[in-house]
Protein backbone atom coordinates (compact mmCIF):
# COMPACT_ATOMS: atom_id res chain seq x y z
CA UNK A 1 -0.04 -0.09 0.06
CA UNK A 2 1.40 3.50 -0.96
CA UNK A 3 1.53 6.22 1.73
CA UNK A 4 -1.19 8.09 -0.47
CA UNK A 5 -3.43 5.11 -0.32
CA UNK A 6 -3.15 4.71 3.33
CA UNK A 7 -3.84 8.47 3.79
CA UNK A 8 -6.95 8.45 1.86
CA UNK A 9 -8.16 5.17 3.56
CA UNK A 10 -7.40 7.03 7.15
CA UNK A 11 -9.44 9.89 5.75
CA UNK A 12 -12.52 7.91 4.98
CA UNK A 13 -11.92 5.85 8.11
CA UNK A 14 -11.88 8.72 10.44
CA UNK A 15 -14.77 10.93 8.33
CA UNK A 16 -18.16 10.92 9.88
CA UNK A 17 -19.60 10.81 6.19
CA UNK A 18 -19.34 6.98 5.92
CA UNK A 19 -20.68 4.58 8.62
CA UNK A 20 -19.81 1.58 10.11
CA UNK A 21 -20.75 -0.64 6.97
CA UNK A 22 -19.06 1.93 4.73
CA UNK A 23 -15.76 1.32 6.58
CA UNK A 24 -16.05 -2.20 6.77
CA UNK A 25 -16.43 -2.48 2.73
CA UNK A 26 -13.33 -0.25 2.68
CA UNK A 27 -11.57 -2.72 4.97
CA UNK A 28 -12.53 -5.68 2.63
CA UNK A 29 -11.36 -3.86 -0.34
CA UNK A 30 -8.17 -3.23 0.63
CA UNK A 31 -7.66 -6.50 2.32
CA UNK A 32 -7.32 -5.10 5.79
CA UNK A 33 -9.82 -7.52 7.15
CA UNK A 34 -8.87 -10.56 9.66
CA UNK A 35 -9.12 -14.24 8.67
CA UNK A 36 -13.03 -14.54 9.93
CA UNK A 37 -13.87 -11.25 8.33
CA UNK A 38 -12.54 -12.40 4.93
CA UNK A 39 -14.13 -15.39 4.93
CA UNK A 40 -17.20 -13.81 5.93
CA UNK A 41 -16.86 -11.26 2.74
CA UNK A 42 -16.35 -14.20 0.82
CA UNK A 43 -19.64 -15.67 1.77
CA UNK A 44 -21.59 -12.56 1.75
CA UNK A 45 -20.39 -11.75 -2.12
CA UNK A 46 -21.60 -15.49 -3.08
CA UNK A 47 -24.94 -15.27 -1.21
CA UNK A 48 -28.32 -15.28 -3.02
CA UNK A 49 -30.72 -12.71 -1.89
CA UNK A 50 -32.32 -15.33 0.84
CA UNK A 51 -29.00 -16.15 2.17
CA UNK A 52 -28.30 -12.67 2.30
CA UNK A 53 -31.42 -12.21 4.63
CA UNK A 54 -30.37 -14.77 6.78
CA UNK A 55 -26.75 -13.38 7.19
CA UNK A 56 -28.26 -10.20 7.96
CA UNK A 57 -29.55 -11.37 10.91
CA UNK A 58 -26.08 -12.30 12.44
CA UNK A 59 -24.22 -9.45 10.55
CA UNK A 60 -26.23 -6.74 9.63
CA UNK A 61 -23.27 -4.18 9.35
CA UNK A 62 -21.41 -6.21 6.96
CA UNK A 63 -24.27 -7.26 4.75
CA UNK A 64 -25.61 -3.39 4.47
CA UNK A 65 -22.04 -2.47 3.46
CA UNK A 66 -22.02 -5.14 0.91
CA UNK A 67 -25.40 -4.26 -0.26
CA UNK A 68 -24.20 -0.44 -0.51
CA UNK A 69 -21.12 -1.60 -2.40
CA UNK A 70 -22.74 -4.13 -4.93
CA UNK A 71 -25.87 -2.71 -5.60
CA UNK A 72 -25.68 1.24 -4.31
CA UNK A 73 -23.44 4.35 -4.60
CA UNK A 74 -20.85 3.42 -2.17
CA UNK A 75 -18.20 3.14 -5.04
CA UNK A 76 -18.86 6.54 -6.25
CA UNK A 77 -18.91 7.98 -3.03
CA UNK A 78 -15.73 6.65 -1.99
CA UNK A 79 -14.37 7.68 -5.34
CA UNK A 80 -15.85 11.08 -4.59
CA UNK A 81 -13.91 11.07 -1.46
CA UNK A 82 -10.64 10.72 -3.05
CA UNK A 83 -10.65 6.81 -2.60
CA UNK A 84 -9.29 5.13 -5.77
CA UNK A 85 -11.50 1.88 -5.75
């Protein structure tokens, strides 16, 4: 990771413009999660809508982040904040 990427990630991670689910996605996309969270991200990314609903019961922050990333505007919001995603 370059110094610039580190600074951009730090800016997003400390910003009030992004909530916990958004910040989880940043950690996921930049490979900053631990082993369990990486496996969870892979599971969420492969899940169909029914299983996403089930996963949301135990992991609401992570599933919400994934949905914002995959189906929402999170990538655009992160790009607008200067993060190269």
